[in-house]
N, C-alpha and C. Protein backbone atom coordinates (compact mmCIF):
# COMPACT_ATOMS: atom_id res chain seq x y z
N MET A 1 -25.01 -0.88 15.44
CA MET A 1 -23.62 -0.88 14.99
C MET A 1 -23.35 0.41 14.24
N ASN A 2 -22.31 1.09 14.63
CA ASN A 2 -21.95 2.35 14.01
C ASN A 2 -20.95 2.10 12.88
N PHE A 3 -21.33 2.45 11.66
CA PHE A 3 -20.47 2.23 10.49
C PHE A 3 -20.12 3.57 9.88
N ASN A 4 -18.85 3.76 9.60
CA ASN A 4 -18.44 4.95 8.85
C ASN A 4 -17.32 4.58 7.90
N ILE A 5 -17.13 5.40 6.91
CA ILE A 5 -16.16 5.13 5.86
C ILE A 5 -14.73 5.20 6.39
N HIS A 6 -14.51 6.01 7.42
CA HIS A 6 -13.17 6.14 8.00
C HIS A 6 -12.71 4.82 8.65
N SER A 7 -13.61 4.15 9.34
CA SER A 7 -13.24 2.87 9.95
C SER A 7 -12.97 1.81 8.89
N LEU A 8 -13.74 1.84 7.79
CA LEU A 8 -13.50 0.91 6.69
C LEU A 8 -12.13 1.17 6.05
N HIS A 9 -11.79 2.43 5.86
CA HIS A 9 -10.49 2.79 5.30
C HIS A 9 -9.35 2.35 6.22
N ASN A 10 -9.50 2.56 7.51
CA ASN A 10 -8.47 2.14 8.46
C ASN A 10 -8.30 0.62 8.46
N TRP A 11 -9.39 -0.11 8.36
CA TRP A 11 -9.32 -1.58 8.30
C TRP A 11 -8.60 -2.03 7.04
N TYR A 12 -8.96 -1.45 5.90
CA TYR A 12 -8.33 -1.79 4.62
C TYR A 12 -6.83 -1.46 4.65
N ARG A 13 -6.52 -0.30 5.20
CA ARG A 13 -5.12 0.13 5.29
C ARG A 13 -4.30 -0.78 6.19
N SER A 14 -4.86 -1.18 7.33
CA SER A 14 -4.13 -2.06 8.23
C SER A 14 -3.89 -3.43 7.61
N LEU A 15 -4.84 -3.91 6.82
CA LEU A 15 -4.64 -5.18 6.12
C LEU A 15 -3.53 -5.07 5.08
N LEU A 16 -3.47 -3.94 4.38
CA LEU A 16 -2.42 -3.75 3.38
C LEU A 16 -1.04 -3.61 4.02
N GLN A 17 -0.98 -3.07 5.21
CA GLN A 17 0.30 -2.91 5.88
C GLN A 17 0.79 -4.18 6.55
N ASN A 18 -0.08 -5.15 6.71
CA ASN A 18 0.29 -6.43 7.30
C ASN A 18 0.84 -7.34 6.21
N PRO A 19 2.12 -7.73 6.28
CA PRO A 19 2.72 -8.55 5.22
C PRO A 19 2.02 -9.89 5.01
N LYS A 20 1.37 -10.39 6.04
CA LYS A 20 0.70 -11.68 5.92
C LYS A 20 -0.51 -11.61 4.98
N TYR A 21 -1.22 -10.49 4.99
CA TYR A 21 -2.44 -10.35 4.21
C TYR A 21 -2.32 -9.44 3.00
N ARG A 22 -1.19 -8.78 2.84
CA ARG A 22 -1.05 -7.74 1.80
C ARG A 22 -1.42 -8.24 0.42
N TRP A 23 -0.84 -9.33 -0.04
CA TRP A 23 -1.09 -9.79 -1.41
C TRP A 23 -2.49 -10.34 -1.57
N TRP A 24 -3.08 -10.86 -0.51
CA TRP A 24 -4.47 -11.30 -0.58
C TRP A 24 -5.39 -10.10 -0.79
N VAL A 25 -5.12 -9.02 -0.11
CA VAL A 25 -5.95 -7.83 -0.23
C VAL A 25 -5.78 -7.19 -1.61
N VAL A 26 -4.55 -7.15 -2.11
CA VAL A 26 -4.32 -6.62 -3.45
C VAL A 26 -5.04 -7.47 -4.49
N ALA A 27 -4.93 -8.79 -4.37
CA ALA A 27 -5.61 -9.68 -5.32
C ALA A 27 -7.13 -9.53 -5.23
N ALA A 28 -7.65 -9.45 -4.02
CA ALA A 28 -9.10 -9.29 -3.86
C ALA A 28 -9.57 -7.95 -4.42
N SER A 29 -8.76 -6.92 -4.27
CA SER A 29 -9.13 -5.61 -4.83
C SER A 29 -9.16 -5.64 -6.35
N VAL A 30 -8.18 -6.29 -6.94
CA VAL A 30 -8.15 -6.40 -8.40
C VAL A 30 -9.33 -7.24 -8.90
N VAL A 31 -9.64 -8.32 -8.21
CA VAL A 31 -10.80 -9.14 -8.59
C VAL A 31 -12.08 -8.32 -8.48
N TYR A 32 -12.21 -7.52 -7.44
CA TYR A 32 -13.39 -6.67 -7.27
C TYR A 32 -13.50 -5.67 -8.41
N LEU A 33 -12.36 -5.10 -8.82
CA LEU A 33 -12.40 -4.11 -9.90
C LEU A 33 -12.77 -4.73 -11.24
N VAL A 34 -12.35 -5.97 -11.47
CA VAL A 34 -12.63 -6.64 -12.74
C VAL A 34 -14.03 -7.27 -12.74
N SER A 35 -14.51 -7.63 -11.59
CA SER A 35 -15.79 -8.33 -11.47
C SER A 35 -16.97 -7.43 -11.86
N PRO A 36 -17.96 -8.00 -12.51
CA PRO A 36 -19.15 -7.20 -12.83
C PRO A 36 -20.06 -6.98 -11.61
N ILE A 37 -19.81 -7.69 -10.52
CA ILE A 37 -20.61 -7.54 -9.30
C ILE A 37 -19.95 -6.50 -8.41
N ASP A 38 -20.62 -5.40 -8.17
CA ASP A 38 -20.10 -4.30 -7.38
C ASP A 38 -21.13 -3.87 -6.35
N LEU A 39 -20.69 -3.02 -5.42
CA LEU A 39 -21.64 -2.40 -4.50
C LEU A 39 -22.59 -1.49 -5.27
N ILE A 40 -22.02 -0.73 -6.20
CA ILE A 40 -22.81 0.13 -7.09
C ILE A 40 -22.57 -0.40 -8.50
N PRO A 41 -23.58 -0.91 -9.18
CA PRO A 41 -23.38 -1.51 -10.51
C PRO A 41 -22.76 -0.53 -11.50
N ASP A 42 -21.86 -1.05 -12.35
CA ASP A 42 -21.13 -0.20 -13.28
C ASP A 42 -21.98 0.35 -14.42
N PHE A 43 -23.17 -0.22 -14.64
CA PHE A 43 -23.99 0.29 -15.74
C PHE A 43 -24.66 1.62 -15.41
N LEU A 44 -24.61 2.04 -14.15
CA LEU A 44 -25.10 3.37 -13.80
C LEU A 44 -24.05 4.38 -14.24
N PRO A 45 -24.45 5.42 -14.96
CA PRO A 45 -23.49 6.30 -15.64
C PRO A 45 -22.35 6.86 -14.78
N PHE A 46 -22.63 7.53 -13.71
CA PHE A 46 -21.56 8.12 -12.91
C PHE A 46 -21.32 7.34 -11.62
N ALA A 47 -22.38 6.99 -10.96
CA ALA A 47 -22.29 6.37 -9.64
C ALA A 47 -21.61 5.00 -9.69
N GLY A 48 -21.72 4.31 -10.82
CA GLY A 48 -21.13 2.98 -10.93
C GLY A 48 -19.62 2.98 -10.89
N LEU A 49 -19.02 4.09 -11.25
CA LEU A 49 -17.56 4.16 -11.26
C LEU A 49 -16.98 4.71 -9.96
N VAL A 50 -17.84 5.24 -9.10
CA VAL A 50 -17.35 5.86 -7.87
C VAL A 50 -16.68 4.83 -6.96
N ASP A 51 -17.31 3.69 -6.74
CA ASP A 51 -16.71 2.70 -5.84
C ASP A 51 -15.42 2.13 -6.43
N ASP A 52 -15.37 1.94 -7.75
CA ASP A 52 -14.14 1.46 -8.37
C ASP A 52 -13.01 2.49 -8.25
N THR A 53 -13.36 3.75 -8.44
CA THR A 53 -12.36 4.82 -8.32
C THR A 53 -11.82 4.91 -6.90
N LEU A 54 -12.69 4.77 -5.92
CA LEU A 54 -12.24 4.81 -4.52
C LEU A 54 -11.32 3.64 -4.20
N ILE A 55 -11.67 2.45 -4.66
CA ILE A 55 -10.82 1.27 -4.42
C ILE A 55 -9.45 1.45 -5.08
N ILE A 56 -9.45 1.91 -6.33
CA ILE A 56 -8.18 2.11 -7.04
C ILE A 56 -7.32 3.15 -6.32
N SER A 57 -7.91 4.28 -5.94
CA SER A 57 -7.12 5.34 -5.31
C SER A 57 -6.54 4.92 -3.97
N VAL A 58 -7.35 4.26 -3.15
CA VAL A 58 -6.84 3.81 -1.84
C VAL A 58 -5.79 2.72 -2.02
N LEU A 59 -6.03 1.79 -2.95
CA LEU A 59 -5.07 0.71 -3.19
C LEU A 59 -3.73 1.26 -3.65
N VAL A 60 -3.75 2.15 -4.63
CA VAL A 60 -2.49 2.72 -5.15
C VAL A 60 -1.78 3.54 -4.07
N ALA A 61 -2.52 4.34 -3.33
CA ALA A 61 -1.90 5.17 -2.28
C ALA A 61 -1.27 4.31 -1.19
N GLU A 62 -1.95 3.28 -0.76
CA GLU A 62 -1.42 2.45 0.33
C GLU A 62 -0.26 1.57 -0.13
N VAL A 63 -0.35 1.02 -1.33
CA VAL A 63 0.76 0.21 -1.85
C VAL A 63 1.99 1.09 -2.08
N ALA A 64 1.78 2.32 -2.56
CA ALA A 64 2.90 3.25 -2.73
C ALA A 64 3.53 3.59 -1.38
N GLN A 65 2.72 3.77 -0.34
CA GLN A 65 3.25 4.07 0.99
C GLN A 65 4.05 2.89 1.54
N VAL A 66 3.54 1.68 1.35
CA VAL A 66 4.26 0.49 1.81
C VAL A 66 5.59 0.36 1.07
N ALA A 67 5.57 0.58 -0.25
CA ALA A 67 6.80 0.49 -1.05
C ALA A 67 7.80 1.56 -0.63
N LYS A 68 7.32 2.78 -0.38
CA LYS A 68 8.20 3.86 0.05
C LYS A 68 8.85 3.53 1.39
N THR A 69 8.08 3.01 2.31
CA THR A 69 8.61 2.64 3.63
C THR A 69 9.67 1.54 3.51
N LYS A 70 9.39 0.53 2.68
CA LYS A 70 10.36 -0.55 2.50
C LYS A 70 11.64 -0.05 1.84
N LEU A 71 11.52 0.81 0.82
CA LEU A 71 12.70 1.34 0.14
C LEU A 71 13.53 2.21 1.09
N GLN A 72 12.87 3.01 1.91
CA GLN A 72 13.61 3.83 2.87
C GLN A 72 14.32 2.96 3.90
N ALA A 73 13.68 1.90 4.35
CA ALA A 73 14.30 1.01 5.32
C ALA A 73 15.50 0.30 4.70
N ASN A 74 15.37 -0.14 3.45
CA ASN A 74 16.48 -0.82 2.78
C ASN A 74 17.65 0.13 2.53
N SER A 75 17.36 1.37 2.10
CA SER A 75 18.45 2.31 1.83
C SER A 75 19.13 2.74 3.12
N THR A 76 18.37 2.89 4.20
CA THR A 76 18.96 3.25 5.48
C THR A 76 19.83 2.12 6.02
N ARG A 77 19.32 0.90 5.88
CA ARG A 77 20.06 -0.26 6.38
C ARG A 77 21.37 -0.45 5.61
N SER A 78 21.34 -0.24 4.29
CA SER A 78 22.54 -0.46 3.50
C SER A 78 23.52 0.70 3.62
N ALA A 79 23.03 1.89 3.98
CA ALA A 79 23.91 3.05 4.05
C ALA A 79 24.39 3.36 5.46
N VAL A 80 23.94 2.66 6.46
CA VAL A 80 24.32 2.97 7.84
C VAL A 80 25.80 2.71 8.08
N ALA A 81 26.24 1.55 7.72
CA ALA A 81 27.65 1.24 7.99
C ALA A 81 28.22 0.41 6.85
N THR A 82 29.43 0.78 6.43
CA THR A 82 30.15 0.04 5.41
C THR A 82 31.58 -0.14 5.92
N ALA A 83 32.12 -1.33 5.75
CA ALA A 83 33.48 -1.59 6.23
C ALA A 83 34.49 -1.20 5.15
N ASP A 84 35.58 -0.52 5.58
CA ASP A 84 36.65 -0.21 4.63
C ASP A 84 37.68 -1.34 4.67
N PRO A 85 38.70 -1.33 3.78
CA PRO A 85 39.67 -2.43 3.73
C PRO A 85 40.44 -2.67 5.03
N THR A 86 40.55 -1.67 5.90
CA THR A 86 41.29 -1.87 7.14
C THR A 86 40.42 -2.51 8.22
N GLY A 87 39.12 -2.70 7.93
CA GLY A 87 38.25 -3.35 8.89
C GLY A 87 37.51 -2.38 9.80
N GLN A 88 37.76 -1.09 9.63
CA GLN A 88 37.07 -0.10 10.45
C GLN A 88 35.69 0.16 9.84
N THR A 89 34.79 0.55 10.67
CA THR A 89 33.43 0.86 10.20
C THR A 89 33.33 2.35 9.93
N ILE A 90 32.80 2.68 8.76
CA ILE A 90 32.62 4.07 8.37
C ILE A 90 31.13 4.33 8.24
N ASP A 91 30.65 5.38 8.89
CA ASP A 91 29.24 5.76 8.75
C ASP A 91 29.07 6.55 7.46
N ILE A 92 28.12 6.11 6.66
CA ILE A 92 27.82 6.79 5.39
C ILE A 92 26.37 7.21 5.44
N GLN A 93 26.11 8.49 5.18
CA GLN A 93 24.75 8.99 5.16
C GLN A 93 24.26 9.06 3.71
N PRO A 94 23.02 8.66 3.44
CA PRO A 94 22.51 8.72 2.07
C PRO A 94 22.32 10.17 1.62
N ILE A 95 22.48 10.40 0.35
CA ILE A 95 22.29 11.73 -0.23
C ILE A 95 20.80 12.01 -0.32
N GLN A 96 20.42 13.19 0.12
CA GLN A 96 18.99 13.53 0.08
C GLN A 96 18.73 14.68 -0.82
């Protein structure tokens, strides 16, 4: 079996992007960070924090990407068309 860190990252990322599993993955990540049981024990001076730092950085980056995508979709959806009092549709573009 061929294992690499890139495939693990892609798997983690795809789970975070799936709305069905997103909150389970976030909760499991937080539990892993708080738990004293790690892949690399935290009592090791430098190496113990490496796995926690990687989990935190990937979690924050992916959750921020999901939030950014949702906010852009919501702003685009709300700004695409607005009806004026005469009933005509006016296209409004968001300010960038």
